[in-house]
Amino acid sequence: MTSTSGSGARPARGFEGYSWLESEFVPVEPELLVPGVVRTPFLTADACARLLAEIDRRASQYGGGAAANSMHDHGVELGALGLDGVVTDLMGERLAGLLREHFAPFGGATLDHHHSYLVQYGRDLDEDLGFHVDDSEVTLNLCLGEDFSGAELVMLGARCDGHRQTPVQPGEAFEIHHEPGTLVIHSGCHRHRVDPIRRGVRRNLIAWLRSSASREALPKDDGMGLSEGILPGASVCGPWCGAHVGRSRR
């Protein structure tokens, strides 16, 4: 299993290691919010604080590097700090079973690399985030802190590429209120946004989990490369898509 940045570059070598402590995890109790969206307790408060402190220390020492992605002005790519192994470790035994059970239609059984970063919402940071889907088969969204209100994650229904811009169906939109230590996992093709933050600072670890097998199976554009705008796991409409023909409506 490997980790990659958005450009596919490997992280620089020579960083000191960072290892999870077994005592930092709480029992996983998955709550299926809708198919393709799961929430569970995951980390202790001490674990969140320790990881944030290490990210801050390394960012101060090494610099934050390139922007985590085109959607966020404030944040840091974990690979630039030598911390992408933090997510690689989680993709192993700790989360592999859950990913296979709940995200098989999206490549959850063959996830083998990732792009991971810290996002920061605040009045002088990123204040919100508009409607989008992720460049992932499956996304981990782990709240690390701090003290905040607002910046809710609003889920807007899973869609294949062909139906990505179709209207939200009744019952598809719902808010997820982040709590430090709680992990939200969703398919990358599940549309979502972040509402404006009202107070404080919210810092979350985001990991775009990817499957080489799913990406290699993507349709090509006249043999010249991947078709523009196509996301892995979402190129073919299936029953998980909210606009799939014959899908029952709630």
C-alpha atoms as a PDB file:
ATOM      1  CA  MET A   1       0.000   0.000   0.000  1.00  0.00           C
ATOM      2  CA  THR A   2       1.370   3.378  -0.967  1.00  0.00           C
ATOM      3  CA  SER A   3       0.586   7.016  -0.443  1.00  0.00           C
ATOM      4  CA  THR A   4       0.755   9.652  -3.117  1.00  0.00           C
ATOM      5  CA  SER A   5       0.250  13.367  -3.417  1.00  0.00           C
ATOM      6  CA  GLY A   6      -2.223  14.840  -5.861  1.00  0.00           C
ATOM      7  CA  SER A   7       0.542  14.983  -8.494  1.00  0.00           C
ATOM      8  CA  GLY A   8       1.563  11.378  -7.892  1.00  0.00           C
ATOM      9  CA  ALA A   9       4.907  12.349  -6.325  1.00  0.00           C
ATOM     10  CA  ARG A  10       6.275  10.322  -3.441  1.00  0.00           C
ATOM     11  CA  PRO A  11       6.915  12.155  -0.155  1.00  0.00           C
ATOM     12  CA  ALA A  12      10.475  13.180   0.630  1.00  0.00           C
ATOM     13  CA  ARG A  13      12.507  10.761   2.704  1.00  0.00           C
ATOM     14  CA  GLY A  14      14.315  11.538   5.929  1.00  0.00           C
ATOM     15  CA  PHE A  15      11.371  12.440   8.185  1.00  0.00           C
ATOM     16  CA  GLU A  16      11.118  11.014  11.661  1.00  0.00           C
ATOM     17  CA  GLY A  17       8.440   8.404  12.177  1.00  0.00           C
ATOM     18  CA  TYR A  18       5.034   8.798  13.807  1.00  0.00           C
ATOM     19  CA  SER A  19       3.200   5.816  15.218  1.00  0.00           C
ATOM     20  CA  TRP A  20      -0.275   5.401  16.613  1.00  0.00           C
ATOM     21  CA  LEU A  21      -0.602   4.114  20.171  1.00  0.00           C
ATOM     22  CA  GLU A  22      -3.119   1.357  20.759  1.00  0.00           C
ATOM     23  CA  SER A  23      -4.517   3.306  23.710  1.00  0.00           C
ATOM     24  CA  GLU A  24      -5.432   6.184  21.368  1.00  0.00           C
ATOM     25  CA  PHE A  25      -8.245   4.277  19.671  1.00  0.00           C
ATOM     26  CA  VAL A  26     -11.757   3.788  20.988  1.00  0.00           C
ATOM     27  CA  PRO A  27     -13.989   0.850  19.986  1.00  0.00           C
ATOM     28  CA  VAL A  28     -15.315   1.229  16.447  1.00  0.00           C
ATOM     29  CA  GLU A  29     -19.130   1.318  16.427  1.00  0.00           C
ATOM     30  CA  PRO A  30     -20.156   1.942  12.804  1.00  0.00           C
ATOM     31  CA  GLU A  31     -23.420   3.775  12.268  1.00  0.00           C
ATOM     32  CA  LEU A  32     -24.736   3.494   8.716  1.00  0.00           C
ATOM     33  CA  LEU A  33     -26.297   6.897   8.041  1.00  0.00           C
ATOM     34  CA  VAL A  34     -27.246   6.003   4.454  1.00  0.00           C
ATOM     35  CA  PRO A  35     -25.663   3.497   2.077  1.00  0.00           C
ATOM     36  CA  GLY A  36     -22.171   4.779   1.388  1.00  0.00           C
ATOM     37  CA  VAL A  37     -21.951   7.022   4.485  1.00  0.00           C
ATOM     38  CA  VAL A  38     -20.762   5.647   7.840  1.00  0.00           C
ATOM     39  CA  ARG A  39     -19.930   7.393  11.124  1.00  0.00           C
ATOM     40  CA  THR A  40     -18.073   5.923  14.084  1.00  0.00           C
ATOM     41  CA  PRO A  41     -16.208   6.933  17.237  1.00  0.00           C
ATOM     42  CA  PHE A  42     -12.528   6.481  16.499  1.00  0.00           C
ATOM     43  CA  LEU A  43      -9.901   8.445  18.481  1.00  0.00           C
ATOM     44  CA  THR A  44      -9.471   9.701  22.028  1.00  0.00           C
ATOM     45  CA  ALA A  45      -9.117  13.412  22.744  1.00  0.00           C
ATOM     46  CA  ASP A  46      -5.449  12.865  23.613  1.00  0.00           C
ATOM     47  CA  ALA A  47      -4.833  11.173  20.253  1.00  0.00           C
ATOM     48  CA  CYS A  48      -6.373  14.112  18.383  1.00  0.00           C
ATOM     49  CA  ALA A  49      -4.312  16.612  20.341  1.00  0.00           C
ATOM     50  CA  ARG A  50      -1.077  14.657  19.838  1.00  0.00           C
ATOM     51  CA  LEU A  51      -1.530  14.385  16.070  1.00  0.00           C
ATOM     52  CA  LEU A  52      -2.431  18.070  15.703  1.00  0.00           C
ATOM     53  CA  ALA A  53       0.599  19.074  17.750  1.00  0.00           C
ATOM     54  CA  GLU A  54       2.851  16.944  15.537  1.00  0.00           C
ATOM     55  CA  ILE A  55       1.361  18.406  12.354  1.00  0.00           C
ATOM     56  CA  ASP A  56       1.866  21.934  13.700  1.00  0.00           C
ATOM     57  CA  ARG A  57       5.427  21.179  14.770  1.00  0.00           C
ATOM     58  CA  ARG A  58       6.394  19.757  11.403  1.00  0.00           C
ATOM     59  CA  ALA A  59       4.631  22.497   9.457  1.00  0.00           C
ATOM     60  CA  SER A  60       6.583  25.075  11.456  1.00  0.00           C
ATOM     61  CA  GLN A  61       9.856  23.195  10.976  1.00  0.00           C
ATOM     62  CA  TYR A  62       9.544  22.101   7.347  1.00  0.00           C
ATOM     63  CA  GLY A  63       6.919  24.442   5.909  1.00  0.00           C
ATOM     64  CA  GLY A  64       3.523  23.419   4.631  1.00  0.00           C
ATOM     65  CA  GLY A  65       4.561  22.751   1.035  1.00  0.00           C
ATOM     66  CA  ALA A  66       2.075  22.942  -1.814  1.00  0.00           C
ATOM     67  CA  ALA A  67      -1.648  23.480  -1.288  1.00  0.00           C
ATOM     68  CA  ALA A  68      -3.459  20.301  -0.274  1.00  0.00           C
ATOM     69  CA  ASN A  69      -5.803  20.687  -3.251  1.00  0.00           C
ATOM     70  CA  SER A  70      -7.481  23.342  -5.385  1.00  0.00           C
ATOM     71  CA  MET A  71     -10.496  23.669  -3.064  1.00  0.00           C
ATOM     72  CA  HIS A  72      -8.715  24.801   0.113  1.00  0.00           C
ATOM     73  CA  ASP A  73      -6.567  27.860   0.709  1.00  0.00           C
ATOM     74  CA  HIS A  74      -5.664  26.760   4.231  1.00  0.00           C
ATOM     75  CA  GLY A  75      -4.398  23.295   4.985  1.00  0.00           C
ATOM     76  CA  VAL A  76      -1.373  21.086   4.605  1.00  0.00           C
ATOM     77  CA  GLU A  77      -0.643  17.890   2.717  1.00  0.00           C
ATOM     78  CA  LEU A  78       0.459  15.143   5.084  1.00  0.00           C
ATOM     79  CA  GLY A  79       2.985  13.774   2.601  1.00  0.00           C
ATOM     80  CA  ALA A  80       4.867  17.079   2.650  1.00  0.00           C
ATOM     81  CA  LEU A  81       5.419  16.544   6.383  1.00  0.00           C
ATOM     82  CA  GLY A  82       6.297  12.848   6.195  1.00  0.00           C
ATOM     83  CA  LEU A  83       3.008  11.935   7.875  1.00  0.00           C
ATOM     84  CA  ASP A  84       1.182  10.071   5.126  1.00  0.00           C
ATOM     85  CA  GLY A  85       1.966   6.828   6.963  1.00  0.00           C
ATOM     86  CA  VAL A  86      -0.601   7.949   9.551  1.00  0.00           C
ATOM     87  CA  VAL A  87      -3.346   7.143   7.036  1.00  0.00           C
ATOM     88  CA  THR A  88      -1.601   4.155   5.454  1.00  0.00           C
ATOM     89  CA  ASP A  89      -1.615   2.500   8.885  1.00  0.00           C
ATOM     90  CA  LEU A  90      -5.348   3.115   9.278  1.00  0.00           C
ATOM     91  CA  MET A  91      -6.091   1.552   5.879  1.00  0.00           C
ATOM     92  CA  GLY A  92      -4.660  -1.731   7.152  1.00  0.00           C
ATOM     93  CA  GLU A  93      -6.300  -4.031   9.663  1.00  0.00           C
ATOM     94  CA  ARG A  94      -7.991  -1.261  11.633  1.00  0.00           C
ATOM     95  CA  LEU A  95     -10.363  -0.143   8.859  1.00  0.00           C
ATOM     96  CA  ALA A  96      -9.986  -2.731   6.094  1.00  0.00           C
ATOM     97  CA  GLY A  97     -12.955  -4.838   7.196  1.00  0.00           C
ATOM     98  CA  LEU A  98     -15.275  -1.871   7.528  1.00  0.00           C
ATOM     99  CA  LEU A  99     -14.220  -0.550   4.109  1.00  0.00           C
ATOM    100  CA  ARG A 100     -14.853  -3.922   2.466  1.00  0.00           C
ATOM    101  CA  GLU A 101     -18.231  -4.331   4.167  1.00  0.00           C
ATOM    102  CA  HIS A 102     -19.726  -0.927   3.435  1.00  0.00           C
ATOM    103  CA  PHE A 103     -17.866   0.327   0.350  1.00  0.00           C
ATOM    104  CA  ALA A 104     -17.394  -2.663  -1.947  1.00  0.00           C
ATOM    105  CA  PRO A 105     -19.401  -1.034  -4.801  1.00  0.00           C
ATOM    106  CA  PHE A 106     -16.903   1.844  -4.754  1.00  0.00           C
ATOM    107  CA  GLY A 107     -13.672  -0.146  -4.700  1.00  0.00           C
ATOM    108  CA  GLY A 108     -13.531  -0.515  -0.931  1.00  0.00           C
ATOM    109  CA  ALA A 109     -11.967  -3.984  -1.164  1.00  0.00           C
ATOM    110  CA  THR A 110      -9.028  -2.883  -3.351  1.00  0.00           C
ATOM    111  CA  LEU A 111      -7.934   0.442  -1.825  1.00  0.00           C
ATOM    112  CA  ASP A 112      -4.154   0.664  -2.055  1.00  0.00           C
ATOM    113  CA  HIS A 113      -3.047   4.327  -2.011  1.00  0.00           C
ATOM    114  CA  HIS A 114      -4.241   7.729  -0.832  1.00  0.00           C
ATOM    115  CA  HIS A 115      -3.913  11.514  -0.883  1.00  0.00           C
ATOM    116  CA  SER A 116      -4.276  12.938   2.637  1.00  0.00           C
ATOM    117  CA  TYR A 117      -4.301  16.414   4.103  1.00  0.00           C
ATOM    118  CA  LEU A 118      -5.417  18.585   7.016  1.00  0.00           C
ATOM    119  CA  VAL A 119      -8.186  21.129   6.408  1.00  0.00           C
ATOM    120  CA  GLN A 120      -8.799  24.141   8.648  1.00  0.00           C
ATOM    121  CA  TYR A 121     -12.066  26.067   8.853  1.00  0.00           C
ATOM    122  CA  GLY A 122     -12.273  29.388  10.679  1.00  0.00           C
ATOM    123  CA  ARG A 123     -13.145  33.029  10.184  1.00  0.00           C
ATOM    124  CA  ASP A 124      -9.621  33.796   8.955  1.00  0.00           C
ATOM    125  CA  LEU A 125      -9.192  30.395   7.286  1.00  0.00           C
ATOM    126  CA  ASP A 126     -11.451  28.494   4.908  1.00  0.00           C
ATOM    127  CA  GLU A 127     -14.951  29.490   5.994  1.00  0.00           C
ATOM    128  CA  ASP A 128     -16.990  27.010   3.934  1.00  0.00           C
ATOM    129  CA  LEU A 129     -16.798  24.729   0.909  1.00  0.00           C
ATOM    130  CA  GLY A 130     -19.208  24.489  -1.996  1.00  0.00           C
ATOM    131  CA  PHE A 131     -20.914  21.545  -3.671  1.00  0.00           C
ATOM    132  CA  HIS A 132     -18.418  18.944  -4.919  1.00  0.00           C
ATOM    133  CA  VAL A 133     -17.398  15.302  -5.092  1.00  0.00           C
ATOM    134  CA  ASP A 134     -14.000  13.919  -4.105  1.00  0.00           C
ATOM    135  CA  ASP A 135     -11.250  12.465  -6.283  1.00  0.00           C
ATOM    136  CA  SER A 136     -11.428   9.224  -4.344  1.00  0.00           C
ATOM    137  CA  GLU A 137     -13.131   5.886  -4.236  1.00  0.00           C
ATOM    138  CA  VAL A 138     -13.706   6.344  -0.494  1.00  0.00           C
ATOM    139  CA  THR A 139     -13.037   9.369   1.738  1.00  0.00           C
ATOM    140  CA  LEU A 140     -12.071   9.388   5.425  1.00  0.00           C
ATOM    141  CA  ASN A 141     -13.068  12.588   7.252  1.00  0.00           C
ATOM    142  CA  LEU A 142     -11.678  12.563  10.804  1.00  0.00           C
ATOM    143  CA  CYS A 143     -12.377  15.520  13.072  1.00  0.00           C
ATOM    144  CA  LEU A 144      -9.346  16.367  15.249  1.00  0.00           C
ATOM    145  CA  GLY A 145     -10.623  19.576  16.857  1.00  0.00           C
ATOM    146  CA  GLU A 146     -10.763  22.207  18.033  1.00  0.00           C
ATOM    147  CA  ASP A 147     -13.603  24.212  19.646  1.00  0.00           C
ATOM    148  CA  PHE A 148     -16.116  25.343  17.009  1.00  0.00           C
ATOM    149  CA  SER A 149     -19.698  25.644  15.897  1.00  0.00           C
ATOM    150  CA  GLY A 150     -20.966  25.450  12.340  1.00  0.00           C
ATOM    151  CA  ALA A 151     -18.990  24.033   9.407  1.00  0.00           C
ATOM    152  CA  GLU A 152     -21.398  21.098   9.199  1.00  0.00           C
ATOM    153  CA  LEU A 153     -20.827  18.503   6.509  1.00  0.00           C
ATOM    154  CA  VAL A 154     -23.937  18.378   4.307  1.00  0.00           C
ATOM    155  CA  MET A 155     -24.411  15.215   2.257  1.00  0.00           C
ATOM    156  CA  LEU A 156     -26.366  15.621  -0.974  1.00  0.00           C
ATOM    157  CA  GLY A 157     -26.730  12.150  -2.465  1.00  0.00           C
ATOM    158  CA  ALA A 158     -24.454   9.773  -4.371  1.00  0.00           C
ATOM    159  CA  ARG A 159     -24.276  10.132  -8.140  1.00  0.00           C
ATOM    160  CA  CYS A 160     -22.541   8.563 -11.088  1.00  0.00           C
ATOM    161  CA  ASP A 161     -20.645  10.909 -13.403  1.00  0.00           C
ATOM    162  CA  GLY A 162     -23.535  11.204 -15.822  1.00  0.00           C
ATOM    163  CA  HIS A 163     -25.970  12.287 -13.096  1.00  0.00           C
ATOM    164  CA  ARG A 164     -23.639  14.389 -10.961  1.00  0.00           C
ATOM    165  CA  GLN A 165     -25.526  17.643 -11.573  1.00  0.00           C
ATOM    166  CA  THR A 166     -29.044  16.247 -11.155  1.00  0.00           C
ATOM    167  CA  PRO A 167     -31.288  17.671  -8.407  1.00  0.00           C
ATOM    168  CA  VAL A 168     -31.147  16.478  -4.829  1.00  0.00           C
ATOM    169  CA  GLN A 169     -33.953  14.019  -4.203  1.00  0.00           C
ATOM    170  CA  PRO A 170     -36.244  14.231  -1.143  1.00  0.00           C
ATOM    171  CA  GLY A 171     -34.523  12.700   1.856  1.00  0.00           C
ATOM    172  CA  GLU A 172     -31.020  12.816   0.354  1.00  0.00           C
ATOM    173  CA  ALA A 173     -29.762  15.994   2.056  1.00  0.00           C
ATOM    174  CA  PHE A 174     -28.700  15.718   5.679  1.00  0.00           C
ATOM    175  CA  GLU A 175     -26.200  17.399   7.999  1.00  0.00           C
ATOM    176  CA  ILE A 176     -23.383  15.735   9.878  1.00  0.00           C
ATOM    177  CA  HIS A 177     -22.150  17.650  12.920  1.00  0.00           C
ATOM    178  CA  HIS A 178     -18.471  16.975  13.447  1.00  0.00           C
ATOM    179  CA  GLU A 179     -17.154  15.983  16.858  1.00  0.00           C
ATOM    180  CA  PRO A 180     -13.454  15.623  17.683  1.00  0.00           C
ATOM    181  CA  GLY A 181     -12.416  11.986  17.542  1.00  0.00           C
ATOM    182  CA  THR A 182     -15.319  10.937  15.313  1.00  0.00           C
ATOM    183  CA  LEU A 183     -14.662   9.503  11.853  1.00  0.00           C
ATOM    184  CA  VAL A 184     -17.011   9.920   8.899  1.00  0.00           C
ATOM    185  CA  ILE A 185     -16.439   7.640   5.914  1.00  0.00           C
ATOM    186  CA  HIS A 186     -18.241   8.181   2.615  1.00  0.00           C
ATOM    187  CA  SER A 187     -17.942   7.208  -1.027  1.00  0.00           C
ATOM    188  CA  GLY A 188     -16.034   9.733  -3.106  1.00  0.00           C
ATOM    189  CA  CYS A 189     -18.995  10.119  -5.466  1.00  0.00           C
ATOM    190  CA  HIS A 190     -21.319  11.192  -2.643  1.00  0.00           C
ATOM    191  CA  ARG A 191     -21.968  14.873  -3.297  1.00  0.00           C
ATOM    192  CA  HIS A 192     -21.433  17.195  -0.352  1.00  0.00           C
ATOM    193  CA  ARG A 193     -20.590  20.680   0.865  1.00  0.00           C
ATOM    194  CA  VAL A 194     -19.434  22.358   4.085  1.00  0.00           C
ATOM    195  CA  ASP A 195     -21.665  25.042   5.608  1.00  0.00           C
ATOM    196  CA  PRO A 196     -20.128  28.295   6.944  1.00  0.00           C
ATOM    197  CA  ILE A 197     -18.316  28.109  10.241  1.00  0.00           C
ATOM    198  CA  ARG A 198     -19.874  30.331  12.905  1.00  0.00           C
ATOM    199  CA  ARG A 199     -17.303  30.227  15.698  1.00  0.00           C
ATOM    200  CA  GLY A 200     -13.858  28.852  16.461  1.00  0.00           C
ATOM    201  CA  VAL A 201     -11.662  26.589  14.334  1.00  0.00           C
ATOM    202  CA  ARG A 202     -12.417  23.139  12.944  1.00  0.00           C
ATOM    203  CA  ARG A 203      -9.437  20.985  11.879  1.00  0.00           C
ATOM    204  CA  ASN A 204     -10.054  17.686  10.096  1.00  0.00           C
ATOM    205  CA  LEU A 205      -7.846  15.053   8.578  1.00  0.00           C
ATOM    206  CA  ILE A 206      -9.139  14.196   5.093  1.00  0.00           C
ATOM    207  CA  ALA A 207      -7.930  11.106   3.261  1.00  0.00           C
ATOM    208  CA  TRP A 208      -8.898  10.370  -0.332  1.00  0.00           C
ATOM    209  CA  LEU A 209      -8.527   6.580  -0.483  1.00  0.00           C
ATOM    210  CA  ARG A 210      -7.922   5.261  -3.983  1.00  0.00           C
ATOM    211  CA  SER A 211      -7.890   1.921  -5.790  1.00  0.00           C
ATOM    212  CA  SER A 212      -5.438   1.264  -8.602  1.00  0.00           C
ATOM    213  CA  ALA A 213      -7.694  -1.531  -9.840  1.00  0.00           C
ATOM    214  CA  SER A 214     -10.701   0.800 -10.106  1.00  0.00           C
ATOM    215  CA  ARG A 215      -8.670   3.500 -11.826  1.00  0.00           C
ATOM    216  CA  GLU A 216      -7.122   1.131 -14.345  1.00  0.00           C
ATOM    217  CA  ALA A 217     -10.647   0.021 -15.301  1.00  0.00           C
ATOM    218  CA  LEU A 218     -11.789   3.556 -16.133  1.00  0.00           C
ATOM    219  CA  PRO A 219     -12.992   4.209 -19.703  1.00  0.00           C
ATOM    220  CA  LYS A 220     -10.466   5.834 -21.993  1.00  0.00           C
ATOM    221  CA  ASP A 221     -10.922   8.806 -24.277  1.00  0.00           C
ATOM    222  CA  ASP A 222      -9.868   7.670 -27.800  1.00  0.00           C
ATOM    223  CA  GLY A 223      -6.852   5.942 -26.322  1.00  0.00           C
ATOM    224  CA  MET A 224      -5.371   9.241 -25.198  1.00  0.00           C
ATOM    225  CA  GLY A 225      -6.019   8.996 -21.468  1.00  0.00           C
ATOM    226  CA  LEU A 226      -8.805   9.209 -18.900  1.00  0.00           C
ATOM    227  CA  SER A 227     -11.960  10.948 -19.985  1.00  0.00           C
ATOM    228  CA  GLU A 228     -12.176  14.402 -18.443  1.00  0.00           C
ATOM    229  CA  GLY A 229     -14.251  14.625 -15.275  1.00  0.00           C
ATOM    230  CA  ILE A 230     -14.698  10.888 -14.792  1.00  0.00           C
ATOM    231  CA  LEU A 231     -14.249   9.648 -11.236  1.00  0.00           C
ATOM    232  CA  PRO A 232     -13.267   6.100 -10.303  1.00  0.00           C
ATOM    233  CA  GLY A 233     -16.183   3.993  -9.131  1.00  0.00           C
ATOM    234  CA  ALA A 234     -18.694   6.450 -10.574  1.00  0.00           C
ATOM    235  CA  SER A 235     -18.245   6.124 -14.333  1.00  0.00           C
ATOM    236  CA  VAL A 236     -21.079   3.582 -14.671  1.00  0.00           C
ATOM    237  CA  CYS A 237     -24.489   4.274 -13.145  1.00  0.00           C
ATOM    238  CA  GLY A 238     -25.593   1.718 -10.564  1.00  0.00           C
ATOM    239  CA  PRO A 239     -28.348   1.239  -7.987  1.00  0.00           C
ATOM    240  CA  TRP A 240     -26.333   3.354  -5.490  1.00  0.00           C
ATOM    241  CA  CYS A 241     -26.836   6.424  -7.730  1.00  0.00           C
ATOM    242  CA  GLY A 242     -29.770   8.557  -6.591  1.00  0.00           C
ATOM    243  CA  ALA A 243     -30.833   9.114 -10.210  1.00  0.00           C
ATOM    244  CA  HIS A 244     -30.500   5.487 -11.339  1.00  0.00           C
ATOM    245  CA  VAL A 245     -33.376   4.352 -13.564  1.00  0.00           C
ATOM    246  CA  GLY A 246     -35.672   2.028 -11.648  1.00  0.00           C
ATOM    247  CA  ARG A 247     -34.304   3.018  -8.254  1.00  0.00           C
ATOM    248  CA  SER A 248     -37.067   3.249  -5.680  1.00  0.00           C
ATOM    249  CA  ARG A 249     -37.684   6.700  -4.194  1.00  0.00           C
ATOM    250  CA  ARG A 250     -38.246   7.255  -0.498  1.00  0.00           C
END
